[in-house]
């Protein structure tokens, strides 16, 4: 009887805990709704930006899980058919992530420029992924794919990798969508290479419907298509090319379109990137691949699904994560035990990520000196996170590789800072 009563008590307690989670999430959603309502009273355009920012964060959180689990599945022993399914899941999730980025940027373009983010990435890996995406889509439509990738593309760079990939995926998607037969192509090569900066030129070509000069001008307006017949035949929101040009110009380049000899179009996108220290980053990559020491990580994440995903990724990387659901609980958890790094979601019920980071830094040594990495589906949260004291910031969706690199770099930077001040 006693065991049965204990079991019932545990069941009631578990039910209560499950019931509280939606309430906390509802509180966060309610706060976001209030912010949107206030913005609407002040400026109708603001409500669009706020709503899309909330949309981007909420969509990118589950996308992190889809991409992470698909990535883990890809490393498993799968048959050829199952591997194709996993690749389809990954490419579809990548496309959704790109759409979220493009929608938010298109809304902002009417009121202010979108600033390009600066993060370390591998241009070779990024362009290979885009080339593979074009080849797979071309095969699915019975088209010939022509890929040309220069072997002079630098292996390390600093720039806005998330938006760059979204822009290229949009160009690739258009090329395949508007080509019923024939071929599509993707070519990339460096130009104006220097020690500190270099340019990349991407060309996406197709033998599709082509464009008149008047249609080409309209293409780069937000939420516009070349003409209404294109909308009826092919669909699309008409925002990708406007966002792609906006990003390219923010990164010192541009997007242009020209007719292709023999019919079709050629879209050329150029961007300027900062060169990264290849020797230092190679050593960092080697350490990550070989496995740095396991890190004790405190993750502040209120979303139950997000917790499961982060726990899976972090444990696969060899780390030891613990979780709290509220920013208010981070300080107390740090006082209980030593952690190497705090992974702070910036959108939380209660005090929010910025205030939580400030409170951690106010603890002083040793608990307040922990490395902190901000995490959000909204890139505008980066400035607030860093100003509050975060050492690094990751924009969702989160890849295991990017998370591994960022955690390692944040911890090493914090250790180096402590050594220099002593």
Protein backbone atom coordinates (compact mmCIF):
# COMPACT_ATOMS: atom_id res chain seq x y z
CA UNK A 1 0.00 0.00 0.00
CA UNK A 2 2.82 2.39 0.94
CA UNK A 3 4.54 1.74 -2.38
CA UNK A 4 1.28 2.36 -4.23
CA UNK A 5 0.76 5.70 -2.41
CA UNK A 6 4.35 6.72 -3.14
CA UNK A 7 3.86 5.88 -6.82
CA UNK A 8 0.66 7.95 -6.92
CA UNK A 9 2.43 10.87 -5.27
CA UNK A 10 5.22 10.72 -7.85
CA UNK A 11 2.65 10.61 -10.65
CA UNK A 12 0.87 13.70 -9.26
CA UNK A 13 4.17 15.53 -8.88
CA UNK A 14 5.23 14.64 -12.46
CA UNK A 15 1.84 15.76 -13.77
CA UNK A 16 2.19 19.06 -11.94
CA UNK A 17 5.65 19.63 -13.41
CA UNK A 18 4.38 18.87 -16.91
CA UNK A 19 1.51 21.26 -16.39
CA UNK A 20 3.81 24.10 -15.33
CA UNK A 21 5.96 24.04 -18.47
CA UNK A 22 3.24 25.24 -20.88
CA UNK A 23 2.33 27.97 -18.36
CA UNK A 24 5.91 29.27 -18.37
CA UNK A 25 6.06 29.12 -22.15
CA UNK A 26 2.68 30.83 -22.33
CA UNK A 27 4.04 33.61 -20.13
CA UNK A 28 6.92 34.16 -22.56
CA UNK A 29 4.52 34.14 -25.52
CA UNK A 30 2.22 36.56 -23.72
CA UNK A 31 5.13 38.93 -23.09
CA UNK A 32 6.05 38.78 -26.78
CA UNK A 33 2.42 39.48 -27.72
CA UNK A 34 2.36 42.54 -25.42
CA UNK A 35 5.56 43.80 -27.05
CA UNK A 36 3.99 43.36 -30.47
CA UNK A 37 0.82 45.21 -29.38
CA UNK A 38 2.84 48.12 -28.00
CA UNK A 39 4.87 48.26 -31.19
CA UNK A 40 1.68 48.34 -33.24
CA UNK A 41 0.47 51.39 -31.33
CA UNK A 42 3.76 53.19 -31.90
CA UNK A 43 4.44 52.18 -35.50
CA UNK A 44 2.58 49.62 -37.67
CA UNK A 45 5.89 48.59 -39.26
CA UNK A 46 7.32 47.75 -35.84
CA UNK A 47 4.66 45.11 -35.21
CA UNK A 48 5.74 43.32 -38.39
CA UNK A 49 9.36 43.26 -37.25
CA UNK A 50 8.48 42.11 -33.72
CA UNK A 51 6.12 39.40 -34.98
CA UNK A 52 8.66 38.11 -37.49
CA UNK A 53 11.43 38.16 -34.87
CA UNK A 54 9.28 36.01 -32.57
CA UNK A 55 8.43 33.78 -35.55
CA UNK A 56 12.12 33.36 -36.43
CA UNK A 57 13.05 32.36 -32.87
CA UNK A 58 10.17 29.92 -32.46
CA UNK A 59 10.80 28.28 -35.85
CA UNK A 60 14.56 28.03 -35.46
CA UNK A 61 14.32 26.26 -32.10
CA UNK A 62 12.68 23.08 -33.49
CA UNK A 63 14.81 23.39 -36.64
CA UNK A 64 17.87 23.02 -34.43
CA UNK A 65 16.49 19.68 -33.27
CA UNK A 66 15.63 18.48 -36.76
CA UNK A 67 19.04 19.37 -38.18
CA UNK A 68 20.97 18.06 -35.18
CA UNK A 69 19.21 14.69 -35.04
CA UNK A 70 19.39 14.34 -38.83
CA UNK A 71 23.11 15.06 -38.61
CA UNK A 72 23.56 12.40 -35.96
CA UNK A 73 21.58 9.92 -38.04
CA UNK A 74 23.81 10.67 -41.02
CA UNK A 75 26.80 9.42 -39.01
CA UNK A 76 25.02 6.14 -38.19
CA UNK A 77 25.12 2.94 -40.19
CA UNK A 78 22.28 3.48 -42.64
CA UNK A 79 21.25 1.88 -45.89
CA UNK A 80 21.32 3.90 -49.10
CA UNK A 81 17.55 4.47 -49.05
CA UNK A 82 17.53 5.62 -45.41
CA UNK A 83 20.50 7.93 -46.06
CA UNK A 84 18.58 9.63 -48.88
CA UNK A 85 15.68 10.16 -46.49
CA UNK A 86 17.99 11.77 -43.93
CA UNK A 87 19.48 14.02 -46.62
CA UNK A 88 15.96 15.09 -47.60
CA UNK A 89 15.13 15.95 -43.99
CA UNK A 90 18.31 18.02 -43.66
CA UNK A 91 17.87 19.91 -46.92
CA UNK A 92 14.20 20.64 -46.12
CA UNK A 93 15.07 21.96 -42.66
CA UNK A 94 17.88 24.07 -44.14
CA UNK A 95 15.40 25.53 -46.62
CA UNK A 96 12.94 26.42 -43.84
CA UNK A 97 15.74 28.09 -41.89
CA UNK A 98 16.70 30.12 -44.96
CA UNK A 99 13.08 31.21 -45.45
CA UNK A 100 12.87 32.40 -41.84
CA UNK A 101 16.01 34.49 -42.36
CA UNK A 102 14.74 35.95 -45.64
CA UNK A 103 11.32 36.88 -44.24
CA UNK A 104 12.80 38.74 -41.28
CA UNK A 105 15.37 40.55 -43.42
CA UNK A 106 12.74 41.55 -46.00
CA UNK A 107 10.59 43.13 -43.26
CA UNK A 108 13.56 45.05 -41.85
CA UNK A 109 14.72 46.30 -45.23
CA UNK A 110 11.90 48.84 -45.29
CA UNK A 111 13.08 50.62 -42.15
CA UNK A 112 16.80 49.96 -41.73
CA UNK A 113 19.77 48.15 -43.17
CA UNK A 114 20.50 44.62 -42.05
CA UNK A 115 23.97 44.40 -40.55
CA UNK A 116 26.00 41.37 -41.60
CA UNK A 117 27.10 39.14 -38.73
CA UNK A 118 30.75 38.24 -38.17
CA UNK A 119 31.46 34.62 -37.37
CA UNK A 120 34.15 32.09 -38.19
CA UNK A 121 33.17 29.58 -40.89
CA UNK A 122 34.56 27.34 -43.61
CA UNK A 123 33.73 28.73 -47.10
CA UNK A 124 34.74 25.46 -48.75
CA UNK A 125 32.30 23.47 -46.65
CA UNK A 126 29.52 26.03 -47.19
CA UNK A 127 29.93 26.09 -50.98
CA UNK A 128 30.14 22.30 -51.18
CA UNK A 129 26.85 22.07 -49.30
CA UNK A 130 25.18 24.52 -51.69
CA UNK A 131 26.63 22.70 -54.71
CA UNK A 132 25.34 19.36 -53.38
CA UNK A 133 21.93 20.95 -52.87
CA UNK A 134 21.80 22.14 -56.48
CA UNK A 135 22.97 18.77 -57.81
CA UNK A 136 20.35 16.86 -55.80
CA UNK A 137 17.51 19.16 -56.90
CA UNK A 138 18.64 19.03 -60.51
CA UNK A 139 18.67 15.22 -60.55
CA UNK A 140 15.17 15.17 -59.04
CA UNK A 141 13.89 17.30 -61.96
CA UNK A 142 15.84 15.49 -64.66
CA UNK A 143 18.25 18.37 -65.26
CA UNK A 144 21.99 18.35 -65.86
CA UNK A 145 24.03 19.96 -63.08
CA UNK A 146 27.37 21.64 -63.83
CA UNK A 147 29.51 22.39 -60.77
CA UNK A 148 32.76 24.39 -60.88
CA UNK A 149 34.54 25.03 -57.59
CA UNK A 150 37.97 26.63 -57.52
CA UNK A 151 40.63 24.90 -55.42
CA UNK A 152 41.85 28.38 -54.39
CA UNK A 153 38.88 29.04 -52.08
CA UNK A 154 40.29 29.80 -48.59
CA UNK A 155 39.44 27.27 -45.90
CA UNK A 156 38.74 29.84 -43.18
CA UNK A 157 36.89 33.15 -43.20
CA UNK A 158 34.89 35.54 -41.05
CA UNK A 159 31.48 36.71 -42.27
CA UNK A 160 27.73 36.13 -42.17
CA UNK A 161 27.63 32.42 -42.98
CA UNK A 162 23.93 31.96 -42.10
CA UNK A 163 22.66 34.66 -44.45
CA UNK A 164 25.21 33.84 -47.15
CA UNK A 165 23.99 30.27 -47.31
CA UNK A 166 20.35 31.41 -47.26
CA UNK A 167 21.01 33.76 -50.21
CA UNK A 168 22.82 31.08 -52.22
CA UNK A 169 20.13 28.50 -51.50
CA UNK A 170 17.57 30.97 -52.81
CA UNK A 171 19.51 31.48 -56.05
CA UNK A 172 19.85 27.72 -56.46
CA UNK A 173 16.17 27.15 -55.70
CA UNK A 174 15.15 29.72 -58.34
CA UNK A 175 17.46 28.24 -60.96
CA UNK A 176 15.97 24.77 -60.57
CA UNK A 177 12.39 25.97 -60.18
CA UNK A 178 12.41 28.06 -63.37
CA UNK A 179 14.12 25.42 -65.55
CA UNK A 180 11.87 22.78 -67.08
CA UNK A 181 14.60 21.11 -69.15
CA UNK A 182 18.29 21.54 -69.89
CA UNK A 183 20.86 22.41 -67.26
CA UNK A 184 21.66 24.44 -64.15
CA UNK A 185 25.09 25.45 -62.96
CA UNK A 186 26.92 26.61 -59.85
CA UNK A 187 30.43 28.09 -59.98
CA UNK A 188 32.49 29.76 -57.28
CA UNK A 189 35.95 31.29 -57.34
CA UNK A 190 37.89 33.83 -55.26
CA UNK A 191 38.86 37.29 -56.51
CA UNK A 192 40.84 40.19 -55.08
CA UNK A 193 42.57 37.86 -52.65
CA UNK A 194 44.70 39.50 -49.96
CA UNK A 195 46.19 38.74 -46.58
CA UNK A 196 43.33 40.34 -44.63
CA UNK A 197 40.36 40.28 -47.03
CA UNK A 198 39.26 38.36 -50.09
CA UNK A 199 36.25 38.19 -52.35
CA UNK A 200 34.16 35.25 -53.50
CA UNK A 201 32.20 35.28 -56.75
CA UNK A 202 29.25 32.88 -57.08
CA UNK A 203 27.54 32.25 -60.41
CA UNK A 204 24.23 30.40 -60.60
CA UNK A 205 23.08 29.76 -64.17
CA UNK A 206 20.11 28.05 -65.79
CA UNK A 207 18.63 27.34 -69.20
CA UNK A 208 15.16 28.32 -67.99
CA UNK A 209 12.57 30.95 -68.87
CA UNK A 210 14.98 33.92 -68.98
CA UNK A 211 14.19 37.55 -68.19
CA UNK A 212 13.57 40.82 -70.00
CA UNK A 213 15.40 43.97 -68.85
CA UNK A 214 12.19 45.31 -67.24
CA UNK A 215 11.58 42.04 -65.40
CA UNK A 216 15.16 42.00 -64.11
CA UNK A 217 14.68 45.42 -62.49
CA UNK A 218 11.54 44.30 -60.65
CA UNK A 219 13.21 41.16 -59.32
CA UNK A 220 15.18 42.98 -56.65
CA UNK A 221 12.20 44.71 -55.03
CA UNK A 222 10.97 43.09 -51.77
CA UNK A 223 7.90 40.86 -52.21
CA UNK A 224 8.01 41.23 -56.01
CA UNK A 225 8.14 38.78 -58.91
CA UNK A 226 9.14 39.44 -62.52
CA UNK A 227 5.45 39.29 -63.54
CA UNK A 228 2.18 37.84 -62.29
CA UNK A 229 2.30 34.86 -64.65
CA UNK A 230 5.43 33.71 -62.83
CA UNK A 231 3.56 33.80 -59.51
CA UNK A 232 0.73 31.77 -60.99
CA UNK A 233 3.03 29.19 -62.62
CA UNK A 234 5.80 28.85 -60.05
CA UNK A 235 4.64 30.47 -56.79
CA UNK A 236 7.11 32.04 -54.38
CA UNK A 237 7.03 35.04 -52.03
CA UNK A 238 9.28 37.22 -54.17
CA UNK A 239 11.59 38.22 -51.33
CA UNK A 240 14.71 36.11 -51.78
CA UNK A 241 16.53 38.21 -54.37
CA UNK A 242 15.91 41.46 -52.51
CA UNK A 243 17.37 39.96 -49.35
CA UNK A 244 20.26 38.38 -51.26
CA UNK A 245 21.24 41.74 -52.76
CA UNK A 246 20.84 43.46 -49.40
CA UNK A 247 23.17 40.93 -47.77
CA UNK A 248 25.72 41.06 -50.61
CA UNK A 249 25.93 44.84 -50.38
CA UNK A 250 26.27 44.67 -46.60
CA UNK A 251 29.24 42.35 -47.20
CA UNK A 252 30.87 44.63 -49.76
CA UNK A 253 29.50 42.95 -52.88
CA UNK A 254 26.35 42.82 -55.01
CA UNK A 255 23.95 40.57 -56.93
CA UNK A 256 23.43 41.04 -60.66
CA UNK A 257 21.58 39.17 -63.37
CA UNK A 258 22.36 38.77 -67.07
CA UNK A 259 20.95 36.69 -69.94
CA UNK A 260 22.64 33.35 -70.53
CA UNK A 261 23.94 32.57 -74.00
CA UNK A 262 21.52 30.12 -75.58
CA UNK A 263 18.65 31.10 -73.25
CA UNK A 264 18.12 31.36 -69.52
CA UNK A 265 19.77 33.55 -66.89
CA UNK A 266 23.01 33.94 -64.95
CA UNK A 267 22.89 35.36 -61.43
CA UNK A 268 26.22 36.56 -60.05
CA UNK A 269 26.70 37.22 -56.35
CA UNK A 270 29.89 38.71 -54.91
CA UNK A 271 30.85 39.15 -51.25
CA UNK A 272 33.96 40.31 -49.42
CA UNK A 273 35.12 38.27 -46.42
CA UNK A 274 37.76 38.76 -43.75
CA UNK A 275 40.52 36.19 -43.81
CA UNK A 276 40.86 34.10 -40.64
CA UNK A 277 44.07 32.88 -39.04
CA UNK A 278 44.20 29.46 -40.64
CA UNK A 279 46.95 28.13 -38.38
CA UNK A 280 45.10 29.03 -35.19
CA UNK A 281 41.75 27.78 -36.43
CA UNK A 282 43.29 24.57 -37.75
CA UNK A 283 44.65 23.89 -34.28
CA UNK A 284 41.22 24.66 -32.82
CA UNK A 285 39.56 22.29 -35.26
CA UNK A 286 42.14 19.61 -34.48
CA UNK A 287 41.49 19.92 -30.77
CA UNK A 288 37.74 19.69 -31.28
CA UNK A 289 38.03 16.70 -33.58
CA UNK A 290 40.36 14.99 -31.12
CA UNK A 291 38.15 15.96 -28.20
CA UNK A 292 38.96 18.77 -25.79
CA UNK A 293 38.48 17.88 -22.16
CA UNK A 294 34.79 17.36 -21.35
CA UNK A 295 33.15 20.61 -20.29
CA UNK A 296 30.61 21.00 -17.51
CA UNK A 297 27.90 23.09 -19.14
CA UNK A 298 24.97 24.84 -17.51
CA UNK A 299 22.27 25.34 -20.12
CA UNK A 300 19.51 27.85 -19.35
CA UNK A 301 16.67 26.68 -21.60
CA UNK A 302 12.93 26.76 -20.86
CA UNK A 303 11.78 24.81 -23.93
CA UNK A 304 11.53 21.05 -23.10
CA UNK A 305 12.17 20.13 -26.73
CA UNK A 306 15.18 22.44 -26.82
CA UNK A 307 16.56 20.76 -23.71
CA UNK A 308 16.35 17.31 -25.26
CA UNK A 309 18.11 18.50 -28.41
CA UNK A 310 20.91 20.34 -26.59
CA UNK A 311 21.39 17.44 -24.19
CA UNK A 312 21.76 15.07 -27.17
CA UNK A 313 24.24 17.32 -29.01
CA UNK A 314 26.33 18.16 -25.94
CA UNK A 315 26.61 14.55 -24.79
CA UNK A 316 27.55 13.44 -28.31
CA UNK A 317 30.34 16.04 -28.15
CA UNK A 318 31.52 14.47 -24.90
CA UNK A 319 30.37 17.23 -22.54
CA UNK A 320 28.36 17.08 -19.30
CA UNK A 321 25.27 19.32 -19.46
CA UNK A 322 22.86 20.34 -16.71
CA UNK A 323 19.72 22.39 -17.25
CA UNK A 324 17.66 25.08 -15.56
CA UNK A 325 14.48 26.53 -17.02
CA UNK A 326 14.59 30.09 -15.70
CA UNK A 327 17.22 32.80 -15.83
CA UNK A 328 16.64 33.48 -12.13
CA UNK A 329 17.92 30.00 -11.29
CA UNK A 330 21.27 30.29 -13.09
CA UNK A 331 23.11 32.11 -10.30
CA UNK A 332 22.02 29.67 -7.61
CA UNK A 333 23.03 26.71 -9.78
CA UNK A 334 26.46 28.22 -10.38
CA UNK A 335 26.92 28.70 -6.62
CA UNK A 336 26.12 25.01 -6.02
CA UNK A 337 28.69 23.58 -8.44
CA UNK A 338 31.56 24.57 -10.72
CA UNK A 339 30.79 24.91 -14.44
CA UNK A 340 33.08 25.67 -17.38
CA UNK A 341 30.50 27.49 -19.47
CA UNK A 342 26.90 28.74 -19.41
CA UNK A 343 24.79 28.28 -22.55
CA UNK A 344 22.17 31.01 -22.18
CA UNK A 345 18.99 31.08 -24.27
CA UNK A 346 18.16 34.76 -24.72
CA UNK A 347 14.36 34.38 -24.92
CA UNK A 348 13.14 33.21 -21.53
CA UNK A 349 10.10 33.67 -19.30
CA UNK A 350 10.88 35.86 -16.31
CA UNK A 351 13.99 38.02 -16.40
CA UNK A 352 15.25 37.05 -19.87
CA UNK A 353 18.71 36.21 -21.12
CA UNK A 354 20.27 39.69 -20.95
CA UNK A 355 19.34 40.25 -17.31
CA UNK A 356 20.38 36.69 -16.42
CA UNK A 357 23.85 37.29 -17.90
CA UNK A 358 24.19 40.57 -15.99
CA UNK A 359 23.30 38.82 -12.73
CA UNK A 360 25.88 36.11 -13.36
CA UNK A 361 28.61 38.68 -14.03
CA UNK A 362 27.59 40.55 -10.86
CA UNK A 363 28.42 37.44 -8.79
CA UNK A 364 32.12 38.19 -9.14
CA UNK A 365 34.92 35.62 -8.97
CA UNK A 366 34.87 32.70 -9.26
CA UNK A 367 31.23 32.02 -10.22
CA UNK A 368 30.75 35.23 -12.20
CA UNK A 369 33.86 34.61 -14.31
CA UNK A 370 32.40 31.59 -16.09
CA UNK A 371 32.38 31.62 -19.91
CA UNK A 372 28.93 32.51 -21.28
CA UNK A 373 27.56 31.77 -24.77
CA UNK A 374 24.28 33.42 -25.81
CA UNK A 375 21.84 31.42 -27.94
CA UNK A 376 18.83 32.74 -29.85
CA UNK A 377 16.80 32.45 -33.02
CA UNK A 378 16.86 36.27 -33.29
CA UNK A 379 20.13 37.79 -34.43
CA UNK A 380 19.24 41.15 -32.90
CA UNK A 381 19.77 39.53 -29.49
CA UNK A 382 23.53 39.29 -30.11
CA UNK A 383 24.31 42.94 -29.27
CA UNK A 384 22.45 42.75 -25.97
CA UNK A 385 24.06 39.44 -25.04
CA UNK A 386 27.58 40.70 -25.65
CA UNK A 387 26.93 44.03 -23.92
CA UNK A 388 25.68 42.14 -20.85
CA UNK A 389 28.89 40.09 -20.72
CA UNK A 390 28.53 37.08 -23.05
CA UNK A 391 31.77 35.81 -24.56
CA UNK A 392 30.13 34.48 -27.74
CA UNK A 393 26.76 34.18 -29.47
CA UNK A 394 25.18 31.48 -31.64
CA UNK A 395 22.24 32.04 -33.97
CA UNK A 396 19.83 29.10 -34.24
CA UNK A 397 19.58 26.62 -35.82
CA UNK A 398 22.65 25.26 -34.05
CA UNK A 399 24.94 22.76 -35.75
CA UNK A 400 27.01 20.41 -33.57
CA UNK A 401 30.24 21.61 -35.20
CA UNK A 402 29.49 25.30 -34.65
CA UNK A 403 28.45 24.62 -31.06
CA UNK A 404 31.65 22.65 -30.41
CA UNK A 405 33.84 25.38 -31.88
CA UNK A 406 32.07 28.20 -30.07
CA UNK A 407 32.14 26.50 -26.67
CA UNK A 408 35.84 25.69 -27.04
CA UNK A 409 36.75 29.22 -28.17
CA UNK A 410 34.68 30.87 -25.41
CA UNK A 411 36.29 28.78 -22.68
CA UNK A 412 39.81 29.32 -24.03
CA UNK A 413 39.21 33.09 -24.34
CA UNK A 414 37.94 33.28 -20.76
CA UNK A 415 40.93 31.29 -19.47
CA UNK A 416 43.35 33.52 -21.40
CA UNK A 417 41.66 36.66 -20.02
CA UNK A 418 41.95 35.36 -16.48
CA UNK A 419 45.63 34.49 -16.99
CA UNK A 420 46.46 37.95 -18.37
CA UNK A 421 44.79 39.74 -15.46
CA UNK A 422 46.56 37.70 -12.79
